[in-house]
């Protein structure tokens, strides 16, 4: 029995949720998947999986063994990459994750430049509006927006972003000014459920948070849709600064209430803190960090002090 191969099959089964999913992922017949796991259990003289018609469940022994298998296979992978020269020259496959819009606007152009500069490196760019587990999903580096929890990941700051309340100039001419959040009660809103609640928005004034109710004429689930609806004059919307920067520059949207927005949140590039980074990852970090910082700085935040709400 090839124990490393059996370990990989076991991990694929657990991550896929079924033996058939592991077979599809590995290009392996279902009977072969089942046999390899059974051989592994027989070798260990321990049951690793509880099988049912709907799902697989790890036993206590299985949970500990799968965690150990992942560490072992990672070490084997590192050793093979080192022997192949990956630590001597930037080469091989690199997996990178980023939020969808930020990734398309800023990470993708940097990756394209990187690929031109390093022809022996291939990149798998995964754009998703969720927190990707680097270890479980085999991702080398990820761009994260927001405060980072304590973890073993190494984070490098590349900039900051903030929330923006905005509307089209034509809409504001028709519906009147918007100088204080409490005036939102006089305006229809386009709400984006990825940023704030559809029935109220939170702002800050003199260091204290306060919420104001909003009347949502339209609720969408992507920033692009919210921005398009606001450009069409359907109402006021609230998104992240980088998401509407193009529309702001073109004059399609105007920023309001900047003095009442919360402070900016950080944007970071994170990776697993290994003692010896593959040169392909080190090369990408050295290449990407200054360029991401430059791109983030090129889309300046609207200073909170620059907004001058009228006296009330």
Protein backbone atom coordinates (compact mmCIF):
# COMPACT_ATOMS: atom_id res chain seq x y z
CA UNK A 1 0.00 0.00 0.00
CA UNK A 2 1.23 3.48 -0.90
CA UNK A 3 0.52 5.24 2.39
CA UNK A 4 1.10 8.76 1.07
CA UNK A 5 -1.34 8.10 -1.75
CA UNK A 6 -3.86 6.66 0.70
CA UNK A 7 -3.46 9.74 2.92
CA UNK A 8 -4.17 12.01 -0.05
CA UNK A 9 -7.29 9.98 -0.90
CA UNK A 10 -8.48 10.20 2.71
CA UNK A 11 -8.02 13.97 2.82
CA UNK A 12 -9.79 14.41 -0.54
CA UNK A 13 -12.72 12.34 0.78
CA UNK A 14 -13.02 14.41 3.94
CA UNK A 15 -12.72 17.76 2.12
CA UNK A 16 -15.14 16.66 -0.61
CA UNK A 17 -17.63 15.21 1.86
CA UNK A 18 -17.95 11.84 0.11
CA UNK A 19 -15.95 9.08 -1.53
CA UNK A 20 -17.51 9.86 -4.90
CA UNK A 21 -16.45 13.52 -4.60
CA UNK A 22 -12.90 12.37 -3.87
CA UNK A 23 -13.01 10.12 -6.91
CA UNK A 24 -14.09 12.98 -9.16
CA UNK A 25 -11.42 15.28 -7.74
CA UNK A 26 -8.65 12.71 -8.11
CA UNK A 27 -9.88 11.12 -11.34
CA UNK A 28 -10.13 7.78 -9.56
CA UNK A 29 -12.89 5.12 -9.71
CA UNK A 30 -15.11 4.96 -6.63
CA UNK A 31 -14.17 1.33 -5.81
CA UNK A 32 -10.49 2.31 -5.83
CA UNK A 33 -11.15 5.21 -3.43
CA UNK A 34 -13.05 2.92 -1.08
CA UNK A 35 -10.37 0.25 -1.22
CA UNK A 36 -7.53 2.65 -0.46
CA UNK A 37 -9.28 3.98 2.62
CA UNK A 38 -10.21 0.47 3.77
CA UNK A 39 -6.57 -0.63 3.33
CA UNK A 40 -5.45 2.37 5.37
CA UNK A 41 -7.89 1.55 8.16
CA UNK A 42 -6.77 -2.08 8.11
CA UNK A 43 -3.13 -1.01 8.33
CA UNK A 44 -3.88 1.27 11.30
CA UNK A 45 -6.34 -1.20 12.85
CA UNK A 46 -8.63 1.76 13.49
CA UNK A 47 -11.81 3.12 11.91
CA UNK A 48 -11.24 6.58 10.48
CA UNK A 49 -14.60 7.31 8.84
CA UNK A 50 -18.22 6.66 9.67
CA UNK A 51 -19.93 6.17 6.32
CA UNK A 52 -23.59 6.88 5.60
CA UNK A 53 -25.62 7.35 2.43
CA UNK A 54 -25.50 11.12 2.86
CA UNK A 55 -22.12 12.07 4.33
CA UNK A 56 -18.85 11.02 5.86
CA UNK A 57 -18.07 11.68 9.51
CA UNK A 58 -14.60 11.46 11.01
CA UNK A 59 -14.14 9.37 14.12
CA UNK A 60 -12.03 10.78 16.96
CA UNK A 61 -9.07 8.78 15.68
CA UNK A 62 -9.84 9.96 12.15
CA UNK A 63 -9.78 13.66 13.11
CA UNK A 64 -6.34 13.35 14.70
CA UNK A 65 -5.02 11.24 11.83
CA UNK A 66 -6.28 13.59 9.09
CA UNK A 67 -4.66 16.57 10.82
CA UNK A 68 -1.38 14.64 10.97
CA UNK A 69 -1.73 13.58 7.32
CA UNK A 70 -2.08 17.19 6.21
CA UNK A 71 1.11 18.15 8.03
CA UNK A 72 2.99 15.18 6.60
CA UNK A 73 1.88 15.83 3.01
CA UNK A 74 2.78 19.51 3.31
CA UNK A 75 6.27 18.57 4.48
CA UNK A 76 6.63 16.10 1.62
CA UNK A 77 5.45 18.76 -0.82
CA UNK A 78 7.98 21.25 0.56
CA UNK A 79 10.76 18.69 0.29
CA UNK A 80 9.89 17.87 -3.31
CA UNK A 81 9.70 21.52 -4.28
CA UNK A 82 13.07 22.13 -2.67
CA UNK A 83 14.62 19.18 -4.51
CA UNK A 84 13.13 20.44 -7.77
CA UNK A 85 14.83 23.78 -7.29
CA UNK A 86 11.78 25.83 -6.41
CA UNK A 87 13.67 27.45 -3.55
CA UNK A 88 16.50 28.38 -5.91
CA UNK A 89 14.51 30.08 -8.69
CA UNK A 90 10.98 31.52 -8.99
CA UNK A 91 9.04 28.74 -10.69
CA UNK A 92 5.97 26.60 -10.22
CA UNK A 93 2.29 27.25 -9.49
CA UNK A 94 1.10 30.02 -7.19
CA UNK A 95 -2.44 30.29 -5.77
CA UNK A 96 -3.74 33.74 -4.81
CA UNK A 97 -7.12 34.80 -3.40
CA UNK A 98 -8.80 38.22 -3.33
CA UNK A 99 -12.29 39.77 -3.02
CA UNK A 100 -14.09 39.87 -6.36
CA UNK A 101 -14.19 43.59 -7.17
CA UNK A 102 -10.92 44.56 -5.49
CA UNK A 103 -9.27 41.56 -7.10
CA UNK A 104 -10.49 42.46 -10.57
CA UNK A 105 -9.56 46.15 -10.25
CA UNK A 106 -6.23 45.93 -8.45
CA UNK A 107 -4.91 42.40 -7.90
CA UNK A 108 -5.44 41.13 -11.45
CA UNK A 109 -3.37 43.91 -13.08
CA UNK A 110 -0.53 43.28 -10.60
CA UNK A 111 -0.68 39.52 -11.25
CA UNK A 112 -0.55 40.17 -15.00
CA UNK A 113 2.60 42.27 -14.57
CA UNK A 114 4.10 39.58 -12.33
CA UNK A 115 3.51 36.85 -14.90
CA UNK A 116 5.25 38.90 -17.57
CA UNK A 117 8.22 39.42 -15.28
CA UNK A 118 8.41 35.77 -14.11
CA UNK A 119 7.64 33.48 -17.07
CA UNK A 120 8.35 30.28 -15.10
CA UNK A 121 5.57 30.95 -12.55
CA UNK A 122 1.90 30.11 -13.16
CA UNK A 123 -0.86 31.73 -11.09
CA UNK A 124 -4.31 30.52 -10.08
CA UNK A 125 -6.23 33.65 -9.08
CA UNK A 126 -9.33 32.89 -7.00
CA UNK A 127 -11.78 35.80 -6.66
CA UNK A 128 -14.35 35.28 -3.91
CA UNK A 129 -16.10 37.50 -1.37
CA UNK A 130 -15.34 35.20 1.55
CA UNK A 131 -12.45 34.44 3.87
CA UNK A 132 -10.43 31.67 2.24
CA UNK A 133 -8.64 29.18 4.51
CA UNK A 134 -5.12 29.23 3.09
CA UNK A 135 -4.12 25.83 4.41
CA UNK A 136 -7.29 23.91 3.60
CA UNK A 137 -7.70 25.41 0.13
CA UNK A 138 -4.00 25.35 -0.78
CA UNK A 139 -3.73 29.11 -1.27
CA UNK A 140 -0.31 30.76 -1.04
CA UNK A 141 -1.38 34.37 -0.44
CA UNK A 142 -4.65 36.22 0.05
CA UNK A 143 -5.73 39.83 0.06
CA UNK A 144 -7.91 40.63 3.08
CA UNK A 145 -10.04 43.70 3.74
CA UNK A 146 -10.74 44.65 7.35
CA UNK A 147 -9.19 44.10 10.78
CA UNK A 148 -7.44 40.75 11.00
CA UNK A 149 -7.97 38.33 13.89
CA UNK A 150 -4.99 36.92 15.75
CA UNK A 151 -3.56 34.01 13.77
CA UNK A 152 -0.32 32.44 12.61
CA UNK A 153 -0.62 34.23 9.26
CA UNK A 154 1.87 36.91 8.31
CA UNK A 155 0.11 40.13 7.23
CA UNK A 156 1.61 42.98 5.21
CA UNK A 157 -0.48 46.19 5.02
CA UNK A 158 -0.95 47.59 1.52
CA UNK A 159 -3.52 50.35 2.09
CA UNK A 160 -6.96 51.14 3.46
CA UNK A 161 -10.51 51.61 2.27
CA UNK A 162 -13.67 53.13 3.72
CA UNK A 163 -17.40 53.14 3.26
CA UNK A 164 -18.90 55.69 0.91
CA UNK A 165 -22.41 57.08 0.73
CA UNK A 166 -23.12 58.31 -2.78
CA UNK A 167 -25.73 59.20 -5.37
CA UNK A 168 -25.80 60.44 -8.93
CA UNK A 169 -25.54 64.23 -9.46
CA UNK A 170 -28.81 64.16 -11.40
CA UNK A 171 -30.55 62.42 -8.49
CA UNK A 172 -29.24 65.00 -6.00
CA UNK A 173 -30.39 67.89 -8.19
CA UNK A 174 -33.86 66.38 -8.32
CA UNK A 175 -34.23 65.27 -4.69
CA UNK A 176 -32.28 67.94 -2.88
CA UNK A 177 -29.10 68.04 -0.78
CA UNK A 178 -27.83 65.34 1.53
CA UNK A 179 -25.60 66.94 4.17
CA UNK A 180 -26.40 64.91 7.31
CA UNK A 181 -27.26 61.22 7.75
CA UNK A 182 -30.60 62.06 9.35
CA UNK A 183 -31.69 63.54 6.00
CA UNK A 184 -31.65 59.99 4.58
CA UNK A 185 -35.26 59.70 5.76
CA UNK A 186 -36.12 62.02 2.85
CA UNK A 187 -34.35 59.84 0.28
CA UNK A 188 -35.02 56.44 -1.30
CA UNK A 189 -32.00 54.14 -0.93
CA UNK A 190 -30.41 51.27 -2.81
CA UNK A 191 -29.13 48.87 -0.16
CA UNK A 192 -26.39 46.31 -0.54
CA UNK A 193 -26.72 43.45 1.95
CA UNK A 194 -22.97 42.78 1.84
CA UNK A 195 -22.15 46.10 3.52
CA UNK A 196 -24.93 47.17 5.85
CA UNK A 197 -28.39 46.25 7.06
CA UNK A 198 -31.11 47.05 4.54
CA UNK A 199 -33.19 48.98 7.11
CA UNK A 200 -30.56 51.17 8.84
CA UNK A 201 -27.06 52.54 8.29
CA UNK A 202 -24.51 53.38 11.00
CA UNK A 203 -22.47 56.59 11.02
CA UNK A 204 -20.20 58.45 13.44
CA UNK A 205 -20.38 61.97 14.85
CA UNK A 206 -17.95 63.42 17.40
CA UNK A 207 -16.61 59.94 18.15
CA UNK A 208 -20.00 58.31 18.79
CA UNK A 209 -21.82 55.88 16.56
CA UNK A 210 -25.46 56.34 15.65
CA UNK A 211 -27.85 54.55 13.32
CA UNK A 212 -30.39 56.09 11.01
CA UNK A 213 -33.31 54.26 9.39
CA UNK A 214 -33.27 54.10 5.61
CA UNK A 215 -36.08 53.46 3.14
CA UNK A 216 -34.85 50.78 0.79
CA UNK A 217 -36.45 51.01 -2.62
CA UNK A 218 -34.17 48.31 -3.94
CA UNK A 219 -31.98 45.71 -2.24
CA UNK A 220 -29.22 43.95 -4.18
CA UNK A 221 -26.52 41.42 -3.31
CA UNK A 222 -23.56 42.83 -5.24
CA UNK A 223 -21.81 46.17 -5.10
CA UNK A 224 -21.85 46.44 -8.90
CA UNK A 225 -25.64 46.26 -8.95
CA UNK A 226 -25.95 48.86 -6.19
CA UNK A 227 -23.63 51.22 -8.05
CA UNK A 228 -25.45 50.73 -11.37
CA UNK A 229 -28.79 51.41 -9.68
CA UNK A 230 -27.45 54.58 -8.05
CA UNK A 231 -26.03 55.78 -11.38
CA UNK A 232 -29.49 55.20 -12.89
CA UNK A 233 -30.92 57.59 -10.30
CA UNK A 234 -32.86 55.09 -8.17
CA UNK A 235 -31.52 56.51 -4.92
CA UNK A 236 -28.64 56.82 -2.48
CA UNK A 237 -26.38 53.83 -1.97
CA UNK A 238 -23.48 52.86 0.31
CA UNK A 239 -20.55 50.76 -0.83
CA UNK A 240 -16.78 50.55 -0.32
CA UNK A 241 -14.64 53.33 -1.71
CA UNK A 242 -12.76 51.28 -4.29
CA UNK A 243 -15.99 49.81 -5.63
CA UNK A 244 -17.32 53.18 -6.78
CA UNK A 245 -14.02 54.93 -7.54
CA UNK A 246 -14.41 54.61 -11.32
CA UNK A 247 -17.94 56.07 -11.19
CA UNK A 248 -16.72 58.90 -8.95
CA UNK A 249 -13.87 59.76 -11.31
CA UNK A 250 -16.21 59.79 -14.30
CA UNK A 251 -18.69 62.06 -12.51
CA UNK A 252 -21.47 59.45 -12.48
CA UNK A 253 -21.59 59.37 -8.68
CA UNK A 254 -20.97 62.03 -6.04
CA UNK A 255 -19.84 61.30 -2.48
CA UNK A 256 -21.93 62.55 0.41
CA UNK A 257 -21.68 62.34 4.22
CA UNK A 258 -17.93 61.67 4.21
CA UNK A 259 -17.52 63.50 7.53
CA UNK A 260 -19.80 60.95 9.20
CA UNK A 261 -18.22 57.74 7.90
CA UNK A 262 -16.23 55.42 10.17
CA UNK A 263 -12.41 55.49 9.93
CA UNK A 264 -10.86 53.51 7.07
CA UNK A 265 -10.23 49.78 7.43
CA UNK A 266 -6.92 48.15 6.48
CA UNK A 267 -6.16 46.14 3.36
CA UNK A 268 -3.54 43.43 3.90
CA UNK A 269 -1.74 40.75 1.94
CA UNK A 270 -1.46 37.61 4.10
CA UNK A 271 0.43 34.35 3.79
CA UNK A 272 1.34 31.41 6.00
CA UNK A 273 4.34 32.14 8.19
CA UNK A 274 6.79 29.49 7.07
CA UNK A 275 10.44 29.70 8.03
CA UNK A 276 11.54 29.22 4.43
CA UNK A 277 9.22 30.66 1.80
CA UNK A 278 9.27 29.22 -1.73
CA UNK A 279 11.02 31.72 -3.94
CA UNK A 280 7.93 32.02 -6.15
CA UNK A 281 5.96 33.33 -3.15
CA UNK A 282 8.75 35.58 -1.92
CA UNK A 283 9.11 36.97 -5.44
CA UNK A 284 5.37 37.65 -5.64
CA UNK A 285 5.27 39.38 -2.24
CA UNK A 286 8.25 41.58 -3.10
CA UNK A 287 6.69 42.39 -6.49
CA UNK A 288 3.06 42.87 -5.43
CA UNK A 289 3.27 44.79 -2.14
CA UNK A 290 4.71 48.08 -3.48
CA UNK A 291 2.45 47.97 -6.54
CA UNK A 292 -0.69 47.33 -4.47
CA UNK A 293 0.29 50.17 -2.16
CA UNK A 294 0.74 52.45 -5.16
CA UNK A 295 -2.65 51.49 -6.61
CA UNK A 296 -4.38 51.95 -3.26
CA UNK A 297 -2.77 55.37 -2.80
CA UNK A 298 -3.88 56.37 -6.32
CA UNK A 299 -7.52 56.03 -5.23
CA UNK A 300 -7.47 58.57 -2.38
CA UNK A 301 -10.05 58.43 0.37
CA UNK A 302 -12.36 61.41 0.71
CA UNK A 303 -10.95 63.02 3.87
CA UNK A 304 -13.44 63.17 6.71
CA UNK A 305 -12.37 66.72 7.37
CA UNK A 306 -13.00 67.72 3.74
CA UNK A 307 -16.74 67.21 4.06
CA UNK A 308 -18.34 70.29 5.51
CA UNK A 309 -21.91 69.58 6.55
CA UNK A 310 -24.07 72.64 6.93
CA UNK A 311 -24.75 73.90 10.44
CA UNK A 312 -27.86 72.51 12.00
